Amino acid sequence: MSLFKFSMLALSFTFCFQVARADEIQYLPHPQQSLSAILSLVAHADSTIDLSYFVFDPCQTVTQVLVEALVNKSKRGVHVRVLIDAANLTASQADALAAVFSENRIEFRLYNNYAVYGLQMNMRSHIKLIVADGKTYVAGGRNIADAYFALDRSEEHTSELQSRPYL
């Protein structure tokens, strides 16, 4: 892991993050809170991680950090499944993600991966959700790309919700 990626990961765990308790839903209006919640969810997963996103840009830093975290959890025996909408990936990006995930025993699927335009080409999955162990999740409006976490200096006006069950 590069020094930059490690620093970003460390900062995300400490910046603006409060843990929700006992079936509470926590509003995460700030990009750093959302990134921290997602990475913390992955770090604390014990058995499963399921995620589905509309945009999952493999050329972006935040995506690379998340992929690395998912790979590390998979290597520790956590069952990881990834579903990404095909509309926002080039064929080479999809192939690269498939290779990384396959090498690391991560299930990977593309939603509506049609090579030919047709009526179904406009059916998209705008779901933005990551679930750990079937009980803790982060859901909302942020896709997985640097702009959604204020890493490219653009303004994104999205937010997330985090839920944790009573333990």
Foldseek 3Di string as FASTA:
>chain_A
DDPVLVVLLVCLLPPPEDDDAAFDKDKFFALSHQLNQLLVLLVPFDAEKEWEAADQDPVASQNVSNLVSNLVVLVVHHAAEYEYAPPHDDPVRVVVVVVSCVVSNHHYDYPQPDPDDDPSVPDGDHWGKMDGPNFKIKGWRAGRHCQSNCNVVDDDRIIIMITGHHD
